Amino acid sequence: MIKQLRRKFIWINMLLVSIVLFAVIGAFLFSNSQRLERESFAAMKQAVSLRHGEVPPQVEMGKKPPRQAPPDGSPQAEGGAASPDKRQAYYSIPVICVELDGQNQVQTVHGEENITVSDEALDKMVEMALADGGRSGRLAEYSARFLVEQTPNGTKIAFADTGGEQSQMMSLVLTSLAAGAGALLAFFLISLFLARWALRPVERAWAQQQQFVADASHELKTPLTVILANMGIVLSHPGDTVQQQEKWIENTQAEAMRMKQLVDDLLFLAKSDASGVPRLTGTFNLSDAVLGSVLPFESVAFEQGVRLNSDVAPGIDFTGSEGQIKQLAAILLDNACKYAGKGGSVTVRLWVEQEKIRLAVNNTGTPIAPEDQQHIFERFYRADKSRVRSRGGYGLGLAIAKQIVDAHGGKIAVESSETLGTTFLVSLPVRK
């Protein structure tokens, strides 16, 4: 599934990039085509505006022409100088201009200094331009563009060669296509990198989900196997009384309770994954809530030979879910009592420090290995895998604790060493 998602990501990205890239290239080519056409018309207008025998304006090498156009908008400035744009167009585009007499016969021709054309071809071009009936147009047969102007002295027709224009456009098209192909290749390589980088959290979540399902199935299989075995024994002795089958019935009930607890934990985590940890928000006395969670574990600690100590600062209020905070404290206390060891101790502390509420649960016993500490809050992860059934855990308690802390905007961390024991430290924001 991840590979398909990666390929889909790449192709969608490439499709969008291609659309944008070709739109940009198309706009670039269109604008250049319009520019070349405007320059061509400017050159033809310049040619038409020259009187017979008049020499085109000269350009002095090394001197920049004036940047402003003539104030009256005429093609020539004072003293016969042309505007910069038209002067540049005149010299860059080959143009020839003919003057016609009353019978539409070619009377004079000027502009032959930068273009040559045979008399037959020129007569044919004039005939085609007049037959077109428009003021301007194209003569594809001669790779030319024409402009017809009616002057007091008669009709003038300017012809501009479009061969250079077509050559420029072809060069621009080839250059644009090469640049576009290179850009697409670069974007493809970038998309490969982005697909791997962007989908890395998805791959991690997918792997965790698969592991979660596998672990949940494994954990559910064990109590179900025990229940089925116990029920098989009971059914194999139909004549026995309930008292005679009490051992198997009690085992079945214990495994059913364990399975119920597992299902409840899985449901809690599933809901938190779907829409966050559901919680009823209210302001309550956190000190009393923690003390209320400590009291039930006094008997548990006594039975396990563990000393339970508490140092809870009074009067600390907190805004959040009181039930979930009690569940958090119970998870940490239960975990501490399990691993404190015979004759060990568990210490619960609650205080306010640097605008943060601190809840610390410390226990003696075997420390958590450094390689296990970074995974301790993962679902179904247990550092002590060999004795998990005897301790009654599924490896979900600390994962639930982290979900609760995250939902309340806090952080949870673990520190463990041979001398100081194991401490789970919860930091919650002070809400005013």
Protein backbone atom coordinates (compact mmCIF):
# COMPACT_ATOMS: atom_id res chain seq x y z
CA MET A 1 0.00 0.00 0.00
CA ILE A 2 2.82 2.42 0.85
CA LYS A 3 4.46 1.85 -2.56
CA GLN A 4 1.17 2.53 -4.34
CA LEU A 5 0.67 5.67 -2.25
CA ARG A 6 4.21 6.81 -3.07
CA ARG A 7 3.69 6.27 -6.80
CA LYS A 8 0.37 8.10 -6.67
CA PHE A 9 2.00 10.99 -4.82
CA ILE A 10 4.75 11.23 -7.44
CA TRP A 11 2.41 11.09 -10.44
CA ILE A 12 -0.01 13.65 -8.99
CA ASN A 13 2.89 15.93 -8.17
CA MET A 14 4.38 15.51 -11.64
CA LEU A 15 0.99 16.12 -13.29
CA LEU A 16 0.48 19.38 -11.41
CA VAL A 17 4.06 20.51 -12.06
CA SER A 18 3.73 19.63 -15.76
CA ILE A 19 0.52 21.64 -16.09
CA VAL A 20 2.09 24.67 -14.43
CA LEU A 21 5.36 24.31 -16.35
CA PHE A 22 3.71 23.99 -19.77
CA ALA A 23 1.37 26.88 -18.92
CA VAL A 24 4.42 29.04 -18.13
CA ILE A 25 6.23 27.92 -21.29
CA GLY A 26 3.10 28.54 -23.37
CA ALA A 27 2.70 32.03 -21.90
CA PHE A 28 6.40 32.73 -22.53
CA LEU A 29 6.21 31.63 -26.18
CA PHE A 30 2.96 33.50 -26.77
CA SER A 31 4.36 36.72 -25.30
CA ASN A 32 7.49 36.44 -27.46
CA SER A 33 5.38 35.75 -30.53
CA GLN A 34 3.34 38.88 -29.82
CA ARG A 35 6.52 40.87 -29.21
CA LEU A 36 8.04 39.81 -32.53
CA GLU A 37 4.79 40.63 -34.30
CA ARG A 38 4.70 44.10 -32.72
CA GLU A 39 8.32 44.69 -33.75
CA SER A 40 7.47 43.62 -37.28
CA PHE A 41 4.54 46.05 -37.50
CA ALA A 42 6.67 48.79 -35.95
CA ALA A 43 9.27 48.26 -38.67
CA MET A 44 6.63 48.34 -41.40
CA LYS A 45 5.06 51.51 -39.99
CA GLN A 46 8.51 53.07 -39.89
CA ALA A 47 9.07 52.13 -43.52
CA VAL A 48 5.67 53.52 -44.60
CA SER A 49 6.30 56.79 -42.77
CA LEU A 50 9.52 57.50 -44.71
CA ARG A 51 9.15 59.76 -47.70
CA HIS A 52 10.60 58.74 -51.04
CA GLY A 53 14.33 59.18 -51.00
CA GLU A 54 14.47 59.81 -47.27
CA VAL A 55 17.29 58.01 -45.48
CA PRO A 56 16.37 55.99 -42.38
CA PRO A 57 17.65 57.46 -39.11
CA GLN A 58 21.17 56.46 -38.29
CA VAL A 59 22.16 54.89 -35.01
CA GLU A 60 25.38 56.12 -33.43
CA MET A 61 27.37 53.17 -32.11
CA GLY A 62 28.06 53.31 -28.40
CA LYS A 63 25.41 55.97 -27.76
CA LYS A 64 22.11 55.11 -26.13
CA PRO A 65 19.03 56.47 -27.87
CA PRO A 66 16.57 58.66 -25.94
CA ARG A 67 14.17 56.60 -23.86
CA GLN A 68 11.04 58.68 -24.35
CA ALA A 69 8.89 58.61 -27.50
CA PRO A 70 8.06 61.82 -29.36
CA PRO A 71 5.39 63.82 -27.51
CA ASP A 72 3.06 63.97 -30.50
CA GLY A 73 3.14 60.20 -30.99
CA SER A 74 4.49 60.54 -34.53
CA PRO A 75 7.04 58.01 -35.77
CA GLN A 76 9.65 60.72 -36.08
CA ALA A 77 10.88 63.17 -33.53
CA GLU A 78 12.06 66.67 -34.16
CA GLY A 79 14.70 66.76 -36.85
CA GLY A 80 13.58 63.48 -38.41
CA ALA A 81 14.74 61.18 -35.57
CA ALA A 82 12.67 58.05 -35.03
CA SER A 83 11.52 56.79 -31.65
CA PRO A 84 13.90 54.22 -30.06
CA ASP A 85 11.54 51.27 -30.37
CA LYS A 86 10.76 51.87 -34.03
CA ARG A 87 14.34 52.70 -34.92
CA GLN A 88 15.48 49.43 -33.32
CA ALA A 89 12.73 47.47 -35.10
CA TYR A 90 13.60 49.05 -38.45
CA TYR A 91 17.17 47.89 -38.36
CA SER A 92 16.47 44.43 -36.90
CA ILE A 93 13.75 43.36 -39.37
CA PRO A 94 14.18 43.39 -43.20
CA VAL A 95 11.41 45.60 -44.65
CA ILE A 96 10.65 46.85 -48.14
CA CYS A 97 8.05 49.48 -48.98
CA VAL A 98 6.37 50.17 -52.33
CA GLU A 99 4.34 53.17 -53.47
CA LEU A 100 1.50 52.53 -55.92
CA ASP A 101 0.05 54.85 -58.53
CA GLY A 102 -3.64 55.28 -59.28
CA GLN A 103 -3.76 51.98 -61.21
CA ASN A 104 -2.15 50.12 -58.29
CA GLN A 105 1.07 49.73 -60.20
CA VAL A 106 4.37 49.86 -58.40
CA GLN A 107 5.72 53.36 -58.78
CA THR A 108 8.67 53.48 -56.40
CA VAL A 109 10.40 51.04 -54.09
CA HIS A 110 12.53 51.90 -51.06
CA GLY A 111 14.13 49.81 -48.37
CA GLU A 112 16.09 47.69 -50.82
CA GLU A 113 19.23 48.37 -48.83
CA ASN A 114 18.36 45.60 -46.32
CA ILE A 115 16.30 43.20 -48.44
CA THR A 116 16.26 42.00 -52.05
CA VAL A 117 13.28 40.77 -54.00
CA SER A 118 12.68 40.18 -57.72
CA ASP A 119 10.26 42.40 -59.62
CA GLU A 120 8.01 39.43 -60.41
CA ALA A 121 7.84 38.39 -56.78
CA LEU A 122 7.21 41.96 -55.66
CA ASP A 123 4.36 42.38 -58.18
CA LYS A 124 2.85 39.11 -57.00
CA MET A 125 3.13 40.17 -53.37
CA VAL A 126 1.44 43.50 -54.09
CA GLU A 127 -1.34 41.70 -55.95
CA MET A 128 -1.88 39.28 -53.07
CA ALA A 129 -1.87 42.07 -50.47
CA LEU A 130 -4.47 44.09 -52.40
CA ALA A 131 -6.58 40.98 -53.00
CA ASP A 132 -6.61 40.26 -49.29
CA GLY A 133 -8.64 43.40 -48.72
CA GLY A 134 -7.34 43.94 -45.22
CA ARG A 135 -5.05 46.58 -43.82
CA SER A 136 -2.56 43.94 -42.76
CA GLY A 137 -1.98 40.23 -43.06
CA ARG A 138 0.47 37.46 -43.80
CA LEU A 139 1.78 36.03 -47.05
CA ALA A 140 2.73 32.50 -46.09
CA GLU A 141 4.03 31.72 -49.59
CA TYR A 142 6.70 34.41 -49.27
CA SER A 143 7.23 34.22 -45.49
CA ALA A 144 6.23 37.85 -45.25
CA ARG A 145 3.83 40.16 -43.45
CA PHE A 146 2.27 43.22 -45.16
CA LEU A 147 0.82 46.55 -44.06
CA VAL A 148 -1.29 48.75 -46.35
CA GLU A 149 -1.43 52.49 -45.67
CA GLN A 150 -3.46 55.09 -47.58
CA THR A 151 -1.55 58.37 -47.80
CA PRO A 152 -2.32 61.65 -49.56
CA ASN A 153 0.23 60.70 -52.16
CA GLY A 154 -1.30 57.27 -52.80
CA THR A 155 -1.19 53.75 -51.46
CA LYS A 156 1.88 52.44 -49.70
CA ILE A 157 2.47 48.78 -48.89
CA ALA A 158 5.23 47.63 -46.56
CA PHE A 159 6.43 44.04 -46.56
CA ALA A 160 8.39 42.59 -43.63
CA ASP A 161 10.30 39.33 -43.83
CA THR A 162 9.13 36.82 -41.20
CA GLY A 163 11.88 34.26 -41.77
CA GLY A 164 13.94 35.61 -38.89
CA GLU A 165 10.83 35.75 -36.71
CA GLN A 166 10.04 32.11 -37.45
CA SER A 167 13.65 31.14 -36.84
CA GLN A 168 13.62 32.92 -33.47
CA MET A 169 10.37 31.27 -32.49
CA MET A 170 11.65 27.83 -33.48
CA SER A 171 14.79 28.44 -31.45
CA LEU A 172 12.69 29.56 -28.48
CA VAL A 173 10.43 26.51 -28.79
CA LEU A 174 13.37 24.09 -28.88
CA THR A 175 15.09 25.88 -25.99
CA SER A 176 11.87 25.93 -23.96
CA LEU A 177 11.22 22.24 -24.61
CA ALA A 178 14.77 21.34 -23.59
CA ALA A 179 14.49 23.48 -20.46
CA GLY A 180 11.06 22.01 -19.73
CA ALA A 181 12.36 18.46 -20.10
CA GLY A 182 15.27 19.24 -17.79
CA ALA A 183 12.93 20.88 -15.28
CA LEU A 184 10.58 17.87 -15.37
CA LEU A 185 13.49 15.51 -14.76
CA ALA A 186 14.63 17.67 -11.83
CA PHE A 187 11.09 17.81 -10.44
CA PHE A 188 10.80 14.04 -10.82
CA LEU A 189 13.94 13.50 -8.75
CA ILE A 190 12.69 16.03 -6.21
CA SER A 191 9.31 14.28 -6.12
CA LEU A 192 11.03 10.97 -5.39
CA PHE A 193 12.77 12.54 -2.43
CA LEU A 194 9.63 14.35 -1.25
CA ALA A 195 7.55 11.19 -1.56
CA ARG A 196 9.95 9.29 0.67
CA TRP A 197 10.24 12.18 3.12
CA ALA A 198 6.53 13.07 3.25
CA LEU A 199 5.34 9.47 3.53
CA ARG A 200 7.86 8.49 6.17
CA PRO A 201 5.38 9.24 9.02
CA VAL A 202 2.72 7.29 7.11
CA GLU A 203 5.06 4.32 6.73
CA ARG A 204 5.88 4.49 10.43
CA ALA A 205 2.19 4.73 11.37
CA TRP A 206 1.32 1.85 9.02
CA ALA A 207 4.05 -0.33 10.52
CA GLN A 208 2.89 0.57 14.02
CA GLN A 209 -0.70 -0.24 13.10
CA GLN A 210 0.29 -3.63 11.69
CA GLN A 211 2.36 -4.32 14.79
CA PHE A 212 -0.51 -3.14 16.96
CA VAL A 213 -2.98 -5.50 15.29
CA ALA A 214 -0.53 -8.40 15.51
CA ASP A 215 0.19 -7.75 19.18
CA ALA A 216 -3.49 -7.28 20.05
CA SER A 217 -4.37 -10.53 18.28
CA HIS A 218 -1.61 -12.33 20.15
CA GLU A 219 -2.68 -10.94 23.53
CA LEU A 220 -6.33 -11.79 22.92
CA LYS A 221 -5.42 -15.29 21.78
CA THR A 222 -3.87 -16.24 25.14
CA PRO A 223 -6.92 -15.63 27.40
CA LEU A 224 -9.25 -17.07 24.79
CA THR A 225 -7.14 -20.23 24.65
CA VAL A 226 -7.24 -20.54 28.45
CA ILE A 227 -11.00 -19.92 28.54
CA LEU A 228 -11.67 -22.52 25.85
CA ALA A 229 -9.44 -25.04 27.62
CA ASN A 230 -11.18 -24.46 30.96
CA MET A 231 -14.61 -24.73 29.39
CA GLY A 232 -13.53 -27.93 27.63
CA ILE A 233 -12.58 -29.43 31.00
CA VAL A 234 -15.87 -28.35 32.56
CA LEU A 235 -17.89 -29.78 29.69
CA SER A 236 -15.97 -33.05 29.86
CA HIS A 237 -17.36 -33.63 33.39
CA PRO A 238 -21.07 -32.84 33.06
CA GLY A 239 -21.92 -34.66 36.26
CA ASP A 240 -19.67 -32.58 38.52
CA THR A 241 -21.11 -29.84 40.71
CA VAL A 242 -20.14 -26.17 40.44
CA GLN A 243 -18.04 -26.57 43.58
CA GLN A 244 -16.12 -29.43 42.02
CA GLN A 245 -15.48 -27.32 38.89
CA GLU A 246 -14.76 -24.16 40.90
CA LYS A 247 -11.07 -24.06 39.94
CA TRP A 248 -11.76 -24.03 36.19
CA ILE A 249 -14.63 -21.59 36.52
CA GLU A 250 -12.51 -19.15 38.54
CA ASN A 251 -9.70 -19.40 36.00
CA THR A 252 -12.19 -18.70 33.23
CA GLN A 253 -13.53 -15.66 35.09
CA ALA A 254 -10.00 -14.33 35.72
CA GLU A 255 -9.04 -14.67 32.07
CA ALA A 256 -12.32 -13.07 30.99
CA MET A 257 -11.62 -10.10 33.28
CA ARG A 258 -8.11 -9.80 31.86
CA MET A 259 -9.51 -9.88 28.35
CA LYS A 260 -12.11 -7.22 29.24
CA GLN A 261 -9.37 -4.98 30.58
CA LEU A 262 -7.37 -5.48 27.38
CA VAL A 263 -10.38 -4.67 25.22
CA ASP A 264 -11.07 -1.53 27.28
CA ASP A 265 -7.47 -0.41 26.86
CA LEU A 266 -7.55 -1.09 23.12
CA LEU A 267 -10.82 0.84 22.78
CA PHE A 268 -9.33 3.79 24.69
CA LEU A 269 -6.29 3.89 22.40
CA ALA A 270 -8.40 3.48 19.27
CA LYS A 271 -10.61 6.42 20.28
CA SER A 272 -7.60 8.55 21.07
CA ASP A 273 -6.10 7.75 17.65
CA ALA A 274 -9.33 8.61 15.88
CA SER A 275 -10.25 11.91 17.55
CA GLY A 276 -7.98 12.51 20.51
CA VAL A 277 -8.47 11.37 24.07
CA PRO A 278 -12.08 12.11 25.02
CA ARG A 279 -12.21 14.05 28.27
CA LEU A 280 -14.61 16.13 30.33
CA THR A 281 -12.86 19.35 31.26
CA GLY A 282 -13.28 20.95 34.66
CA THR A 283 -11.23 22.48 37.44
CA PHE A 284 -10.51 20.14 40.35
CA ASN A 285 -8.09 19.71 43.24
CA LEU A 286 -5.20 17.77 41.78
CA SER A 287 -3.63 17.18 45.17
CA ASP A 288 -6.74 15.39 46.43
CA ALA A 289 -7.01 13.41 43.19
CA VAL A 290 -3.44 12.10 43.49
CA LEU A 291 -3.89 11.26 47.18
CA GLY A 292 -7.13 9.49 46.30
CA SER A 293 -5.22 7.38 43.76
CA VAL A 294 -2.49 6.53 46.28
CA LEU A 295 -4.84 5.17 48.97
CA PRO A 296 -6.03 2.04 47.06
CA PHE A 297 -2.40 1.02 46.45
CA GLU A 298 -1.44 1.01 50.13
CA SER A 299 -2.88 -2.50 50.53
CA VAL A 300 -1.37 -3.60 47.21
CA ALA A 301 2.05 -2.34 48.27
CA PHE A 302 1.70 -4.01 51.68
CA GLU A 303 0.89 -7.39 50.09
CA GLN A 304 3.89 -7.09 47.77
CA GLY A 305 6.22 -6.04 50.61
CA VAL A 306 6.75 -2.56 49.16
CA ARG A 307 6.93 0.70 51.13
CA LEU A 308 4.64 3.36 49.68
CA ASN A 309 5.57 6.99 50.41
CA SER A 310 3.86 10.17 49.27
CA ASP A 311 4.83 13.83 49.27
CA VAL A 312 1.91 15.73 47.78
CA ALA A 313 1.78 19.52 48.00
CA PRO A 314 -1.71 20.65 49.06
CA GLY A 315 -4.07 22.99 47.23
CA ILE A 316 -2.91 22.43 43.65
CA ASP A 317 -5.79 22.99 41.24
CA PHE A 318 -5.82 21.79 37.66
CA THR A 319 -8.18 22.12 34.71
CA GLY A 320 -8.74 18.89 32.83
CA SER A 321 -10.35 15.47 33.19
CA GLU A 322 -10.21 14.37 36.82
CA GLY A 323 -11.03 10.77 35.91
CA GLN A 324 -8.21 10.52 33.39
CA ILE A 325 -5.69 12.16 35.72
CA LYS A 326 -6.62 9.58 38.38
CA GLN A 327 -6.20 6.87 35.74
CA LEU A 328 -2.77 8.30 34.91
CA ALA A 329 -1.69 8.22 38.58
CA ALA A 330 -3.04 4.69 38.98
CA ILE A 331 -1.13 3.44 35.92
CA LEU A 332 2.15 4.89 37.20
CA LEU A 333 1.56 3.57 40.74
CA ASP A 334 0.62 0.10 39.51
CA ASN A 335 3.70 -0.02 37.30
CA ALA A 336 5.93 1.15 40.17
CA CYS A 337 4.54 -1.40 42.66
CA LYS A 338 5.04 -4.26 40.17
CA TYR A 339 8.70 -3.50 39.57
CA ALA A 340 9.83 -2.12 42.94
CA GLY A 341 10.74 -5.62 44.12
CA LYS A 342 10.31 -7.29 47.51
CA GLY A 343 11.43 -4.88 50.23
CA GLY A 344 11.62 -2.00 47.77
CA SER A 345 9.89 1.37 47.92
CA VAL A 346 7.61 3.57 45.82
CA THR A 347 7.55 7.36 46.25
CA VAL A 348 4.90 9.70 44.83
CA ARG A 349 5.59 13.43 44.68
CA LEU A 350 3.43 16.33 43.48
CA TRP A 351 4.61 19.95 43.40
CA VAL A 352 4.62 23.14 41.33
CA GLU A 353 7.85 24.34 39.79
CA GLN A 354 8.54 27.00 37.13
CA GLU A 355 4.93 27.39 36.07
CA LYS A 356 4.63 23.62 35.69
CA ILE A 357 2.87 21.00 37.78
CA ARG A 358 5.23 18.08 38.39
CA LEU A 359 4.08 14.55 39.23
CA ALA A 360 6.89 12.08 39.88
CA VAL A 361 6.53 8.38 40.68
CA ASN A 362 9.77 6.66 41.68
CA ASN A 363 10.39 3.00 42.44
CA THR A 364 13.42 0.96 43.36
CA GLY A 365 14.28 -2.31 41.68
CA THR A 366 15.95 -3.31 38.47
CA PRO A 367 16.50 -0.23 36.28
CA ILE A 368 15.19 0.06 32.74
CA ALA A 369 17.94 -0.42 30.17
CA PRO A 370 18.78 2.68 28.10
CA GLU A 371 17.80 0.90 24.86
CA ASP A 372 14.37 0.15 26.36
CA GLN A 373 13.70 3.66 27.68
CA GLN A 374 13.12 5.10 24.22
CA HIS A 375 10.44 2.47 23.50
CA ILE A 376 8.83 2.27 26.94
CA PHE A 377 5.75 4.31 25.89
CA GLU A 378 5.07 2.24 22.78
CA ARG A 379 2.06 -0.04 22.74
CA PHE A 380 2.63 -3.63 23.83
CA TYR A 381 6.28 -2.87 24.53
CA ARG A 382 7.63 -4.47 27.68
CA ALA A 383 11.22 -4.43 28.87
CA ASP A 384 10.62 -7.50 31.08
CA LYS A 385 9.07 -9.85 28.51
CA SER A 386 9.77 -13.08 30.38
CA ARG A 387 7.61 -12.30 33.42
CA VAL A 388 4.82 -10.29 31.87
CA ARG A 389 2.12 -12.91 32.38
CA SER A 390 2.98 -13.30 36.04
CA ARG A 391 2.81 -9.53 36.50
CA GLY A 392 -0.52 -9.35 34.64
CA GLY A 393 0.39 -6.61 32.15
CA TYR A 394 -0.14 -6.18 28.43
CA GLY A 395 2.26 -3.29 27.83
CA LEU A 396 -0.55 -0.78 27.22
CA GLY A 397 -0.57 1.09 30.52
CA LEU A 398 2.29 3.47 29.77
CA ALA A 399 1.00 4.05 26.23
CA ILE A 400 -2.34 5.11 27.72
CA ALA A 401 -0.54 7.28 30.27
CA LYS A 402 1.27 9.10 27.47
CA GLN A 403 -1.99 9.62 25.56
CA ILE A 404 -3.59 11.19 28.65
CA VAL A 405 -0.61 13.46 29.28
CA ASP A 406 -0.46 14.56 25.63
CA ALA A 407 -4.19 15.30 25.63
CA HIS A 408 -3.69 17.64 28.62
CA GLY A 409 -0.83 19.49 26.94
CA GLY A 410 1.88 17.95 29.12
CA LYS A 411 4.95 15.79 28.78
CA ILE A 412 6.02 12.51 30.33
CA ALA A 413 9.55 11.17 30.57
CA VAL A 414 11.42 8.35 32.29
CA GLU A 415 14.78 8.27 34.05
CA SER A 416 16.25 5.04 35.33
CA SER A 417 19.53 4.13 37.00
CA GLU A 418 20.89 1.58 39.44
CA THR A 419 21.35 4.13 42.24
CA LEU A 420 18.25 6.33 41.86
CA GLY A 421 15.79 3.70 40.61
CA THR A 422 13.16 4.41 38.00
CA THR A 423 11.27 7.71 37.92
CA PHE A 424 8.36 8.64 35.67
CA LEU A 425 8.06 12.42 35.59
CA VAL A 426 4.90 14.12 34.32
CA SER A 427 4.88 17.87 33.59
CA LEU A 428 1.51 19.55 33.21
CA PRO A 429 0.85 23.21 32.38
CA VAL A 430 -0.54 25.47 35.09
CA ARG A 431 -3.91 26.64 33.80
CA LYS A 432 -5.10 29.99 35.18
